Amino acid sequence: KYKDHAYQLFSDRPPSGSLMEADFLEPRFSSILKALPGAFYRTLFRPYLWEAKKPLFIFPALENIFFILIVILIFIYPQTPSHASLFGFCLVFSILLIAVAGLTTPVLGALVRYRSLALPFLFLGLLMLLDLNKLMSRLQKGKTVSGG
């Protein structure tokens, strides 16, 4: 009788309000490779700013905008990372965690929680690719031109 009650309890739960479409994974390596681009996209770019109807989704949406801004700045002001082993660790750790979370998590709220473990390492690795000296000198040059 307990099993029936437990089954009934779990089957009566309402569906999540932030359920996302995800690829069905088959037990083949090719299926995982095919699903990886969508998993990375969902993990790195969702929730969109216009999806942030709940206050808790506003900060992850702003994180996504910050991520896009850093990537754009890296293309404008690139540099070779000085600590290759730290950069490699940050990159591999964040890519693996983002891939696993994106492949296995269909609920946006849970995905935001899981990716929060990878974001500090991802941002650290990305900041190692950004030439902050060139960026700061460019910003200082812009202040003196507009301020004077």
Protein backbone atom coordinates (compact mmCIF):
# COMPACT_ATOMS: atom_id res chain seq x y z
CA LYS A 1 0.00 0.00 0.00
CA TYR A 2 2.90 2.41 0.71
CA LYS A 3 4.26 1.97 -2.82
CA ASP A 4 0.90 2.89 -4.35
CA HIS A 5 0.70 5.99 -2.19
CA ALA A 6 4.26 7.07 -3.05
CA TYR A 7 3.59 6.52 -6.73
CA GLN A 8 0.40 8.52 -6.53
CA LEU A 9 2.17 11.36 -4.73
CA PHE A 10 4.87 11.69 -7.40
CA SER A 11 2.49 11.30 -10.33
CA ASP A 12 0.24 14.08 -9.03
CA ARG A 13 2.93 16.75 -9.01
CA PRO A 14 2.18 19.65 -11.36
CA PRO A 15 4.61 20.13 -14.26
CA SER A 16 7.36 22.72 -13.92
CA GLY A 17 6.60 26.19 -15.22
CA SER A 18 10.05 26.46 -16.78
CA LEU A 19 10.27 23.17 -18.65
CA MET A 20 12.47 23.40 -21.76
CA GLU A 21 12.57 21.34 -24.92
CA ALA A 22 15.60 19.07 -24.89
CA ASP A 23 16.90 16.44 -27.27
CA PHE A 24 16.17 12.83 -26.43
CA LEU A 25 19.45 11.08 -25.67
CA GLU A 26 20.00 7.58 -26.94
CA PRO A 27 22.76 5.35 -25.52
CA ARG A 28 25.15 6.20 -28.35
CA PHE A 29 28.08 8.60 -28.44
CA SER A 30 26.76 10.13 -31.68
CA SER A 31 23.49 11.02 -29.94
CA ILE A 32 25.40 12.89 -27.23
CA LEU A 33 27.56 14.72 -29.77
CA LYS A 34 24.46 15.71 -31.72
CA ALA A 35 22.80 17.10 -28.57
CA LEU A 36 25.86 19.01 -27.25
CA PRO A 37 25.39 22.29 -29.21
CA GLY A 38 21.82 22.63 -27.92
CA ALA A 39 22.95 21.78 -24.40
CA PHE A 40 25.66 24.47 -24.46
CA TYR A 41 23.23 27.00 -25.91
CA ARG A 42 20.55 26.32 -23.28
CA THR A 43 23.05 26.42 -20.43
CA LEU A 44 24.94 29.54 -21.50
CA PHE A 45 22.17 31.72 -22.94
CA ARG A 46 18.95 30.85 -21.09
CA PRO A 47 17.04 32.42 -19.42
CA TYR A 48 16.66 35.29 -21.84
CA LEU A 49 16.04 38.71 -20.35
CA TRP A 50 12.42 38.66 -21.59
CA GLU A 51 11.90 35.26 -19.93
CA ALA A 52 12.74 36.69 -16.50
CA LYS A 53 9.17 36.99 -15.27
CA LYS A 54 10.16 35.83 -11.79
CA PRO A 55 12.64 37.99 -9.85
CA LEU A 56 15.00 35.05 -9.36
CA PHE A 57 15.51 34.78 -13.15
CA ILE A 58 16.62 38.40 -13.57
CA PHE A 59 20.15 37.81 -12.25
CA PRO A 60 20.84 34.73 -14.42
CA ALA A 61 19.57 36.70 -17.44
CA LEU A 62 21.96 39.54 -16.57
CA GLU A 63 24.77 36.96 -16.20
CA ASN A 64 24.08 35.89 -19.78
CA ILE A 65 24.40 39.47 -21.01
CA PHE A 66 27.64 39.82 -19.03
CA PHE A 67 28.93 36.59 -20.61
CA ILE A 68 28.15 37.84 -24.13
CA LEU A 69 29.82 41.17 -23.37
CA ILE A 70 33.02 39.46 -22.15
CA VAL A 71 33.15 37.26 -25.26
CA ILE A 72 32.78 40.32 -27.52
CA LEU A 73 35.52 42.14 -25.58
CA ILE A 74 37.81 39.11 -25.95
CA PHE A 75 37.50 39.37 -29.73
CA ILE A 76 38.39 43.08 -29.57
CA TYR A 77 41.14 42.88 -26.90
CA PRO A 78 42.59 39.33 -26.98
CA GLN A 79 45.64 38.09 -25.12
CA THR A 80 47.35 34.77 -24.54
CA PRO A 81 46.71 33.48 -21.01
CA SER A 82 49.82 33.71 -18.82
CA HIS A 83 48.92 30.69 -16.64
CA ALA A 84 48.15 27.97 -19.16
CA SER A 85 47.47 25.22 -16.61
CA LEU A 86 45.00 27.34 -14.62
CA PHE A 87 43.33 28.44 -17.85
CA GLY A 88 43.08 24.83 -19.02
CA PHE A 89 41.58 23.70 -15.73
CA CYS A 90 39.00 26.50 -15.76
CA LEU A 91 38.06 25.79 -19.35
CA VAL A 92 37.82 21.99 -19.05
CA PHE A 93 35.96 22.07 -15.71
CA SER A 94 33.39 24.61 -16.89
CA ILE A 95 32.87 22.96 -20.30
CA LEU A 96 32.31 19.52 -18.73
CA LEU A 97 29.94 20.83 -16.09
CA ILE A 98 28.01 22.94 -18.61
CA ALA A 99 27.75 19.97 -20.98
CA VAL A 100 26.47 17.56 -18.34
CA ALA A 101 23.99 20.09 -16.94
CA GLY A 102 22.72 21.04 -20.39
CA LEU A 103 22.32 17.43 -21.50
CA THR A 104 20.51 16.20 -18.41
CA THR A 105 18.45 19.12 -17.04
CA PRO A 106 15.16 20.04 -18.73
CA VAL A 107 14.01 22.56 -16.08
CA LEU A 108 15.36 26.10 -16.40
CA GLY A 109 15.47 26.81 -12.66
CA ALA A 110 17.52 23.69 -11.99
CA LEU A 111 19.79 24.45 -14.94
CA VAL A 112 20.52 27.92 -13.51
CA ARG A 113 21.49 26.33 -10.17
CA TYR A 114 23.76 23.74 -11.77
CA ARG A 115 25.52 26.18 -14.05
CA SER A 116 26.24 28.48 -11.11
CA LEU A 117 29.01 26.05 -10.14
CA ALA A 118 30.68 26.45 -13.54
CA LEU A 119 30.30 30.21 -14.03
CA PRO A 120 33.11 31.39 -11.70
CA PHE A 121 35.57 29.10 -13.51
CA LEU A 122 34.23 30.08 -16.93
CA PHE A 123 34.46 33.80 -16.16
CA LEU A 124 37.96 33.39 -14.70
CA GLY A 125 39.10 31.53 -17.82
CA LEU A 126 37.51 34.13 -20.10
CA LEU A 127 39.06 37.01 -18.17
CA MET A 128 42.46 35.36 -18.64
CA LEU A 129 41.89 35.75 -22.42
CA LEU A 130 40.98 39.44 -22.11
CA ASP A 131 43.75 42.04 -22.27
CA LEU A 132 42.59 44.26 -19.43
CA ASN A 133 45.47 46.74 -19.88
CA LYS A 134 44.41 47.55 -23.45
CA LEU A 135 40.78 47.74 -22.41
CA MET A 136 41.50 50.08 -19.48
CA SER A 137 43.75 52.32 -21.57
CA ARG A 138 41.00 52.51 -24.19
CA LEU A 139 38.46 53.45 -21.51
CA GLN A 140 40.84 56.07 -20.05
CA LYS A 141 41.42 57.50 -23.52
CA GLY A 142 37.66 57.72 -24.03
CA LYS A 143 37.21 59.55 -20.71
CA THR A 144 39.83 62.21 -21.51
CA VAL A 145 38.40 62.82 -25.00
CA SER A 146 34.81 63.10 -23.83
CA GLY A 147 35.68 64.88 -20.57
CA GLY A 148 37.95 67.55 -22.05
